[in-house]
Amino acid sequence: MTGEERRGLLFVACAVLLFSTSPVLVRWAARSLTAYEIAAGRLLVAGALVLGLALLRRERLPGRAEWGRFFFYGLVTALHFGLYIASLAYTTIAHSLALVYTAPIFVALFSRIYLKESLTARKWFGVAIAVCGVAVLAGFEPQFTRRMVFGDLL
């Protein structure tokens, strides 16, 4: 295994650790903070880390002409995190993650519809893996209540 492959595996392991613990930590933080306070904190920490990395790597920072676009992206991301975190008060972590992890399915479908990209065998394999993962997650909590459906819709 090359150094680059080891580095890639380390990044994957870190991503799995961060993404898999996120809902549990969010539910814990929700005992004393609102969904929007948690979302703001997450975005503030992430923004500071990205800015620090960009400065460390001497990346060109966005110019004034790009600020509006970045502000819009920030608002959309904040709305996403706010709704995601609020949903955890109404539904189970398993339901929430099952819905969040359908993203590869929608990316593949929307890239086909809007970007006219072909769905190669490799992409179909990725969609199949995503569907299997969602099925495993959803299989742990097959119950539905009105409250859970509301959380799922958030």
N, C-alpha and C. Protein backbone atom coordinates (compact mmCIF):
# COMPACT_ATOMS: atom_id res chain seq x y z
N MET A 1 0.85 -1.18 0.00
CA MET A 1 0.00 0.00 0.00
C MET A 1 0.89 1.24 0.00
N THR A 2 0.58 2.16 -0.88
CA THR A 2 1.39 3.37 -1.00
C THR A 2 1.01 4.36 0.10
N GLY A 3 1.85 5.36 0.26
CA GLY A 3 1.57 6.40 1.24
C GLY A 3 0.30 7.16 0.91
N GLU A 4 0.08 7.38 -0.37
CA GLU A 4 -1.13 8.09 -0.82
C GLU A 4 -2.38 7.27 -0.48
N GLU A 5 -2.31 5.95 -0.66
CA GLU A 5 -3.45 5.09 -0.33
C GLU A 5 -3.71 5.09 1.17
N ARG A 6 -2.64 5.03 1.97
CA ARG A 6 -2.79 5.09 3.42
C ARG A 6 -3.44 6.40 3.86
N ARG A 7 -2.99 7.47 3.22
CA ARG A 7 -3.54 8.80 3.53
C ARG A 7 -5.03 8.84 3.18
N GLY A 8 -5.39 8.27 2.03
CA GLY A 8 -6.80 8.21 1.63
C GLY A 8 -7.64 7.42 2.62
N LEU A 9 -7.11 6.28 3.08
CA LEU A 9 -7.84 5.47 4.07
C LEU A 9 -7.99 6.22 5.39
N LEU A 10 -6.97 6.98 5.77
CA LEU A 10 -7.06 7.78 6.98
C LEU A 10 -8.17 8.83 6.85
N PHE A 11 -8.25 9.48 5.68
CA PHE A 11 -9.31 10.47 5.45
C PHE A 11 -10.68 9.81 5.50
N VAL A 12 -10.81 8.62 4.92
CA VAL A 12 -12.09 7.90 4.94
C VAL A 12 -12.47 7.55 6.38
N ALA A 13 -11.50 7.05 7.15
CA ALA A 13 -11.77 6.69 8.54
C ALA A 13 -12.20 7.92 9.35
N CYS A 14 -11.54 9.04 9.13
CA CYS A 14 -11.91 10.28 9.83
C CYS A 14 -13.32 10.72 9.43
N ALA A 15 -13.64 10.64 8.15
CA ALA A 15 -14.97 11.04 7.68
C ALA A 15 -16.05 10.14 8.29
N VAL A 16 -15.80 8.84 8.32
CA VAL A 16 -16.76 7.90 8.91
C VAL A 16 -16.96 8.23 10.38
N LEU A 17 -15.88 8.49 11.10
CA LEU A 17 -15.98 8.83 12.52
C LEU A 17 -16.80 10.10 12.72
N LEU A 18 -16.51 11.13 11.94
CA LEU A 18 -17.21 12.40 12.09
C LEU A 18 -18.69 12.29 11.71
N PHE A 19 -18.98 11.67 10.57
CA PHE A 19 -20.36 11.59 10.12
C PHE A 19 -21.20 10.62 10.95
N SER A 20 -20.59 9.55 11.45
CA SER A 20 -21.36 8.57 12.21
C SER A 20 -21.68 9.05 13.62
N THR A 21 -20.86 9.91 14.18
CA THR A 21 -21.13 10.40 15.54
C THR A 21 -21.95 11.67 15.55
N SER A 22 -22.07 12.33 14.43
CA SER A 22 -22.76 13.62 14.36
C SER A 22 -24.19 13.59 14.92
N PRO A 23 -25.07 12.68 14.48
CA PRO A 23 -26.44 12.73 14.99
C PRO A 23 -26.53 12.48 16.49
N VAL A 24 -25.68 11.60 17.00
CA VAL A 24 -25.69 11.32 18.44
C VAL A 24 -25.26 12.56 19.21
N LEU A 25 -24.21 13.23 18.74
CA LEU A 25 -23.74 14.45 19.40
C LEU A 25 -24.76 15.57 19.28
N VAL A 26 -25.43 15.65 18.15
CA VAL A 26 -26.47 16.68 17.96
C VAL A 26 -27.61 16.44 18.95
N ARG A 27 -28.04 15.21 19.08
CA ARG A 27 -29.13 14.92 20.02
C ARG A 27 -28.70 15.25 21.45
N TRP A 28 -27.45 14.98 21.80
CA TRP A 28 -26.93 15.31 23.13
C TRP A 28 -26.91 16.82 23.33
N ALA A 29 -26.44 17.56 22.32
CA ALA A 29 -26.36 19.03 22.42
C ALA A 29 -27.75 19.65 22.47
N ALA A 30 -28.73 19.00 21.88
CA ALA A 30 -30.09 19.56 21.81
C ALA A 30 -30.76 19.63 23.17
N ARG A 31 -30.16 19.02 24.18
CA ARG A 31 -30.71 19.13 25.53
C ARG A 31 -30.65 20.56 26.05
N SER A 32 -29.64 21.32 25.59
CA SER A 32 -29.48 22.68 26.12
C SER A 32 -29.41 23.75 25.04
N LEU A 33 -29.37 23.37 23.77
CA LEU A 33 -29.27 24.34 22.68
C LEU A 33 -30.41 24.12 21.69
N THR A 34 -30.78 25.19 20.97
CA THR A 34 -31.79 25.04 19.93
C THR A 34 -31.13 24.48 18.67
N ALA A 35 -31.96 24.02 17.75
CA ALA A 35 -31.44 23.47 16.49
C ALA A 35 -30.60 24.51 15.75
N TYR A 36 -31.04 25.75 15.78
CA TYR A 36 -30.32 26.78 15.04
C TYR A 36 -29.01 27.17 15.72
N GLU A 37 -28.96 27.09 17.05
CA GLU A 37 -27.69 27.33 17.75
C GLU A 37 -26.68 26.23 17.42
N ILE A 38 -27.15 25.00 17.37
CA ILE A 38 -26.27 23.88 17.01
C ILE A 38 -25.79 24.04 15.58
N ALA A 39 -26.70 24.35 14.66
CA ALA A 39 -26.32 24.53 13.26
C ALA A 39 -25.32 25.67 13.12
N ALA A 40 -25.55 26.79 13.81
CA ALA A 40 -24.63 27.92 13.74
C ALA A 40 -23.26 27.53 14.28
N GLY A 41 -23.23 26.79 15.37
CA GLY A 41 -21.96 26.35 15.93
C GLY A 41 -21.20 25.43 14.99
N ARG A 42 -21.92 24.50 14.39
CA ARG A 42 -21.28 23.58 13.43
C ARG A 42 -20.71 24.34 12.25
N LEU A 43 -21.49 25.27 11.72
CA LEU A 43 -21.03 26.03 10.56
C LEU A 43 -19.88 26.96 10.92
N LEU A 44 -19.90 27.53 12.11
CA LEU A 44 -18.82 28.40 12.55
C LEU A 44 -17.51 27.61 12.68
N VAL A 45 -17.58 26.45 13.31
CA VAL A 45 -16.38 25.61 13.46
C VAL A 45 -15.88 25.16 12.09
N ALA A 46 -16.79 24.69 11.23
CA ALA A 46 -16.38 24.24 9.90
C ALA A 46 -15.78 25.38 9.09
N GLY A 47 -16.40 26.55 9.14
CA GLY A 47 -15.88 27.71 8.41
C GLY A 47 -14.50 28.10 8.89
N ALA A 48 -14.29 28.09 10.21
CA ALA A 48 -12.98 28.43 10.77
C ALA A 48 -11.92 27.42 10.33
N LEU A 49 -12.29 26.14 10.32
CA LEU A 49 -11.33 25.11 9.89
C LEU A 49 -10.98 25.25 8.41
N VAL A 50 -11.98 25.50 7.58
CA VAL A 50 -11.73 25.66 6.14
C VAL A 50 -10.89 26.91 5.89
N LEU A 51 -11.21 28.01 6.58
CA LEU A 51 -10.42 29.23 6.43
C LEU A 51 -8.98 29.00 6.88
N GLY A 52 -8.80 28.33 8.02
CA GLY A 52 -7.46 28.03 8.50
C GLY A 52 -6.67 27.19 7.51
N LEU A 53 -7.31 26.18 6.94
CA LEU A 53 -6.65 25.33 5.95
C LEU A 53 -6.31 26.12 4.70
N ALA A 54 -7.22 26.97 4.26
CA ALA A 54 -6.97 27.79 3.06
C ALA A 54 -5.79 28.73 3.30
N LEU A 55 -5.73 29.34 4.47
CA LEU A 55 -4.61 30.24 4.78
C LEU A 55 -3.30 29.47 4.88
N LEU A 56 -3.36 28.29 5.49
CA LEU A 56 -2.17 27.45 5.62
C LEU A 56 -1.63 27.03 4.26
N ARG A 57 -2.53 26.74 3.34
CA ARG A 57 -2.12 26.31 1.99
C ARG A 57 -1.94 27.48 1.04
N ARG A 58 -2.13 28.69 1.55
CA ARG A 58 -1.97 29.92 0.77
C ARG A 58 -2.91 29.94 -0.44
N GLU A 59 -4.14 29.49 -0.20
CA GLU A 59 -5.16 29.51 -1.25
C GLU A 59 -5.66 30.94 -1.45
N ARG A 60 -6.10 31.22 -2.65
CA ARG A 60 -6.69 32.53 -2.94
C ARG A 60 -8.07 32.58 -2.31
N LEU A 61 -8.31 33.60 -1.50
CA LEU A 61 -9.61 33.76 -0.87
C LEU A 61 -10.59 34.38 -1.88
N PRO A 62 -11.88 34.12 -1.73
CA PRO A 62 -12.86 34.67 -2.68
C PRO A 62 -12.84 36.20 -2.70
N GLY A 63 -12.99 36.75 -3.89
CA GLY A 63 -13.07 38.20 -4.04
C GLY A 63 -14.47 38.70 -3.74
N ARG A 64 -14.62 40.01 -3.69
CA ARG A 64 -15.93 40.62 -3.38
C ARG A 64 -17.02 40.17 -4.34
N ALA A 65 -16.67 39.95 -5.59
CA ALA A 65 -17.67 39.54 -6.58
C ALA A 65 -18.29 38.19 -6.24
N GLU A 66 -17.58 37.36 -5.51
CA GLU A 66 -18.06 36.02 -5.17
C GLU A 66 -18.78 35.96 -3.83
N TRP A 67 -18.76 37.02 -3.05
CA TRP A 67 -19.34 37.01 -1.71
C TRP A 67 -20.84 36.71 -1.72
N GLY A 68 -21.57 37.27 -2.66
CA GLY A 68 -23.01 37.03 -2.73
C GLY A 68 -23.33 35.56 -2.92
N ARG A 69 -22.59 34.94 -3.81
CA ARG A 69 -22.81 33.51 -4.07
C ARG A 69 -22.49 32.68 -2.83
N PHE A 70 -21.37 33.00 -2.15
CA PHE A 70 -21.01 32.26 -0.95
C PHE A 70 -22.01 32.51 0.18
N PHE A 71 -22.54 33.73 0.26
CA PHE A 71 -23.55 34.04 1.27
C PHE A 71 -24.80 33.19 1.01
N PHE A 72 -25.21 33.08 -0.25
CA PHE A 72 -26.36 32.25 -0.61
C PHE A 72 -26.11 30.79 -0.25
N TYR A 73 -24.93 30.27 -0.60
CA TYR A 73 -24.59 28.88 -0.25
C TYR A 73 -24.62 28.68 1.26
N GLY A 74 -24.14 29.67 1.98
CA GLY A 74 -24.16 29.59 3.44
C GLY A 74 -25.57 29.54 4.00
N LEU A 75 -26.47 30.35 3.43
CA LEU A 75 -27.87 30.34 3.87
C LEU A 75 -28.52 28.99 3.59
N VAL A 76 -28.28 28.44 2.41
CA VAL A 76 -28.86 27.14 2.06
C VAL A 76 -28.32 26.06 3.00
N THR A 77 -27.02 26.10 3.27
CA THR A 77 -26.42 25.12 4.17
C THR A 77 -26.96 25.28 5.58
N ALA A 78 -27.10 26.51 6.05
CA ALA A 78 -27.65 26.76 7.39
C ALA A 78 -29.09 26.25 7.48
N LEU A 79 -29.88 26.48 6.44
CA LEU A 79 -31.26 25.98 6.42
C LEU A 79 -31.27 24.46 6.48
N HIS A 80 -30.40 23.83 5.69
CA HIS A 80 -30.31 22.36 5.69
C HIS A 80 -29.98 21.85 7.09
N PHE A 81 -28.93 22.39 7.70
CA PHE A 81 -28.53 21.91 9.02
C PHE A 81 -29.58 22.21 10.07
N GLY A 82 -30.21 23.38 9.98
CA GLY A 82 -31.25 23.72 10.94
C GLY A 82 -32.41 22.73 10.89
N LEU A 83 -32.87 22.42 9.68
CA LEU A 83 -33.97 21.46 9.52
C LEU A 83 -33.55 20.05 9.92
N TYR A 84 -32.33 19.67 9.55
CA TYR A 84 -31.83 18.33 9.90
C TYR A 84 -31.76 18.17 11.41
N ILE A 85 -31.21 19.17 12.08
CA ILE A 85 -31.07 19.09 13.53
C ILE A 85 -32.44 19.14 14.21
N ALA A 86 -33.33 19.98 13.71
CA ALA A 86 -34.69 20.04 14.27
C ALA A 86 -35.41 18.71 14.08
N SER A 87 -35.16 18.02 12.98
CA SER A 87 -35.83 16.74 12.72
C SER A 87 -35.49 15.69 13.76
N LEU A 88 -34.31 15.79 14.35
CA LEU A 88 -33.89 14.79 15.33
C LEU A 88 -34.72 14.85 16.62
N ALA A 89 -35.45 15.95 16.83
CA ALA A 89 -36.33 16.04 17.99
C ALA A 89 -37.64 15.28 17.75
N TYR A 90 -37.93 14.95 16.49
CA TYR A 90 -39.20 14.33 16.14
C TYR A 90 -39.08 12.89 15.64
N THR A 91 -37.95 12.55 15.10
CA THR A 91 -37.80 11.22 14.52
C THR A 91 -36.56 10.56 15.11
N THR A 92 -36.35 9.32 14.74
CA THR A 92 -35.19 8.60 15.26
C THR A 92 -33.95 8.92 14.44
N ILE A 93 -32.81 8.67 15.03
CA ILE A 93 -31.55 8.87 14.31
C ILE A 93 -31.49 7.94 13.10
N ALA A 94 -32.00 6.72 13.26
CA ALA A 94 -31.97 5.77 12.13
C ALA A 94 -32.79 6.29 10.96
N HIS A 95 -33.98 6.83 11.22
CA HIS A 95 -34.80 7.40 10.14
C HIS A 95 -34.10 8.58 9.49
N SER A 96 -33.57 9.47 10.32
CA SER A 96 -32.91 10.66 9.80
C SER A 96 -31.73 10.30 8.91
N LEU A 97 -30.89 9.39 9.38
CA LEU A 97 -29.72 8.99 8.59
C LEU A 97 -30.13 8.25 7.33
N ALA A 98 -31.18 7.44 7.42
CA ALA A 98 -31.63 6.73 6.22
C ALA A 98 -32.01 7.73 5.13
N LEU A 99 -32.66 8.82 5.52
CA LEU A 99 -33.04 9.84 4.53
C LEU A 99 -31.84 10.64 4.05
N VAL A 100 -30.96 11.01 4.96
CA VAL A 100 -29.77 11.78 4.58
C VAL A 100 -28.91 11.00 3.60
N TYR A 101 -28.79 9.70 3.84
CA TYR A 101 -27.90 8.89 3.00
C TYR A 101 -28.53 8.45 1.69
N THR A 102 -29.71 8.96 1.37
CA THR A 102 -30.25 8.75 0.02
C THR A 102 -29.67 9.78 -0.95
N ALA A 103 -28.84 10.69 -0.47
CA ALA A 103 -28.27 11.74 -1.32
C ALA A 103 -27.60 11.20 -2.59
N PRO A 104 -26.79 10.12 -2.52
CA PRO A 104 -26.17 9.63 -3.77
C PRO A 104 -27.19 9.23 -4.83
N ILE A 105 -28.33 8.74 -4.39
CA ILE A 105 -29.37 8.36 -5.33
C ILE A 105 -29.88 9.59 -6.07
N PHE A 106 -30.17 10.65 -5.31
CA PHE A 106 -30.70 11.87 -5.93
C PHE A 106 -29.64 12.59 -6.76
N VAL A 107 -28.39 12.55 -6.33
CA VAL A 107 -27.32 13.16 -7.13
C VAL A 107 -27.22 12.47 -8.48
N ALA A 108 -27.25 11.14 -8.47
CA ALA A 108 -27.17 10.39 -9.73
C ALA A 108 -28.37 10.71 -10.63
N LEU A 109 -29.56 10.70 -10.06
CA LEU A 109 -30.76 10.96 -10.87
C LEU A 109 -30.79 12.39 -11.39
N PHE A 110 -30.50 13.37 -10.54
CA PHE A 110 -30.54 14.76 -10.98
C PHE A 110 -29.42 15.09 -11.96
N SER A 111 -28.26 14.43 -11.81
CA SER A 111 -27.19 14.67 -12.78
C SER A 111 -27.58 14.12 -14.15
N ARG A 112 -28.36 13.07 -14.16
CA ARG A 112 -28.86 12.52 -15.42
C ARG A 112 -29.90 13.45 -16.04
N ILE A 113 -30.81 13.94 -15.21
CA ILE A 113 -31.90 14.78 -15.71
C ILE A 113 -31.41 16.16 -16.11
N TYR A 114 -30.67 16.83 -15.23
CA TYR A 114 -30.30 18.23 -15.46
C TYR A 114 -28.97 18.43 -16.16
N LEU A 115 -28.01 17.55 -15.90
CA LEU A 115 -26.69 17.71 -16.52
C LEU A 115 -26.49 16.80 -17.72
N LYS A 116 -27.48 15.96 -17.99
CA LYS A 116 -27.44 15.02 -19.11
C LYS A 116 -26.25 14.07 -19.04
N GLU A 117 -25.83 13.75 -17.80
CA GLU A 117 -24.73 12.80 -17.62
C GLU A 117 -25.27 11.38 -17.78
N SER A 118 -24.42 10.51 -18.30
CA SER A 118 -24.86 9.12 -18.44
C SER A 118 -24.70 8.42 -17.09
N LEU A 119 -25.60 7.48 -16.85
CA LEU A 119 -25.50 6.68 -15.63
C LEU A 119 -24.74 5.40 -15.98
N THR A 120 -23.44 5.44 -15.72
CA THR A 120 -22.58 4.31 -16.03
C THR A 120 -22.83 3.17 -15.05
N ALA A 121 -22.27 2.02 -15.36
CA ALA A 121 -22.40 0.86 -14.46
C ALA A 121 -21.83 1.19 -13.08
N ARG A 122 -20.76 1.95 -13.07
CA ARG A 122 -20.14 2.33 -11.79
C ARG A 122 -21.10 3.20 -10.96
N LYS A 123 -21.79 4.12 -11.61
CA LYS A 123 -22.75 4.97 -10.90
C LYS A 123 -23.94 4.15 -10.41
N TRP A 124 -24.43 3.23 -11.24
CA TRP A 124 -25.52 2.37 -10.81
C TRP A 124 -25.11 1.52 -9.61
N PHE A 125 -23.85 1.07 -9.61
CA PHE A 125 -23.34 0.30 -8.48
C PHE A 125 -23.35 1.16 -7.22
N GLY A 126 -22.94 2.42 -7.35
CA GLY A 126 -22.96 3.35 -6.22
C GLY A 126 -24.37 3.57 -5.70
N VAL A 127 -25.33 3.71 -6.61
CA VAL A 127 -26.73 3.88 -6.22
C VAL A 127 -27.21 2.62 -5.49
N ALA A 128 -26.84 1.45 -6.00
CA ALA A 128 -27.25 0.19 -5.36
C ALA A 128 -26.67 0.08 -3.95
N ILE A 129 -25.41 0.48 -3.79
CA ILE A 129 -24.79 0.47 -2.45
C ILE A 129 -25.55 1.42 -1.52
N ALA A 130 -25.90 2.60 -2.02
CA ALA A 130 -26.64 3.58 -1.21
C ALA A 130 -28.00 3.02 -0.80
N VAL A 131 -28.70 2.39 -1.74
CA VAL A 131 -30.02 1.82 -1.44
C VAL A 131 -29.89 0.72 -0.39
N CYS A 132 -28.88 -0.13 -0.52
CA CYS A 132 -28.66 -1.20 0.47
C CYS A 132 -28.36 -0.61 1.85
N GLY A 133 -27.53 0.42 1.88
CA GLY A 133 -27.21 1.07 3.15
C GLY A 133 -28.44 1.68 3.80
N VAL A 134 -29.26 2.33 3.00
CA VAL A 134 -30.50 2.93 3.53
C VAL A 134 -31.43 1.82 4.02
N ALA A 135 -31.51 0.72 3.30
CA ALA A 135 -32.37 -0.39 3.72
C ALA A 135 -31.91 -0.96 5.05
N VAL A 136 -30.61 -1.07 5.24
CA VAL A 136 -30.09 -1.57 6.52
C VAL A 136 -30.44 -0.60 7.64
N LEU A 137 -30.22 0.70 7.41
CA LEU A 137 -30.54 1.69 8.44
C LEU A 137 -32.03 1.71 8.76
N ALA A 138 -32.86 1.73 7.74
CA ALA A 138 -34.30 1.80 7.95
C ALA A 138 -34.83 0.52 8.57
N GLY A 139 -34.16 -0.59 8.32
CA GLY A 139 -34.59 -1.86 8.87
C GLY A 139 -34.52 -1.93 10.37
N PHE A 140 -33.73 -1.07 10.98
CA PHE A 140 -33.60 -1.10 12.43
C PHE A 140 -34.79 -0.44 13.14
N GLU A 141 -35.53 0.42 12.46
CA GLU A 141 -36.65 1.14 13.07
C GLU A 141 -37.81 1.22 12.07
N PRO A 142 -38.51 0.13 11.83
CA PRO A 142 -39.55 0.15 10.80
C PRO A 142 -40.86 0.81 11.24
N GLN A 143 -40.92 1.38 12.44
CA GLN A 143 -42.18 1.98 12.90
C GLN A 143 -42.33 3.42 12.41
N PHE A 144 -43.57 3.83 12.25
CA PHE A 144 -43.87 5.19 11.82
C PHE A 144 -45.00 5.74 12.69
N THR A 145 -44.79 6.91 13.24
CA THR A 145 -45.84 7.64 13.95
C THR A 145 -45.98 8.99 13.25
N ARG A 146 -47.03 9.73 13.58
CA ARG A 146 -47.19 11.06 12.98
C ARG A 146 -45.98 11.94 13.29
N ARG A 147 -45.52 11.87 14.52
CA ARG A 147 -44.37 12.67 14.95
C ARG A 147 -43.12 12.30 14.14
N MET A 148 -42.91 11.01 13.93
CA MET A 148 -41.74 10.56 13.17
C MET A 148 -41.84 10.99 11.71
N VAL A 149 -43.02 10.90 11.14
CA VAL A 149 -43.20 11.32 9.74
C VAL A 149 -42.91 12.81 9.61
N PHE A 150 -43.36 13.62 10.58
CA PHE A 150 -43.06 15.06 10.55
C PHE A 150 -41.55 15.27 10.59
N GLY A 151 -40.85 14.57 11.48
CA GLY A 151 -39.39 14.68 11.55
C GLY A 151 -38.74 14.22 10.26
N ASP A 152 -39.26 13.16 9.67
CA ASP A 152 -38.70 12.67 8.40
C ASP A 152 -38.88 13.70 7.29
N LEU A 153 -40.01 14.41 7.29
CA LEU A 153 -40.25 15.43 6.27
C LEU A 153 -39.35 16.64 6.44
N LEU A 154 -38.98 16.95 7.68
CA LEU A 154 -38.05 18.06 7.91
C LEU A 154 -36.74 17.76 7.23
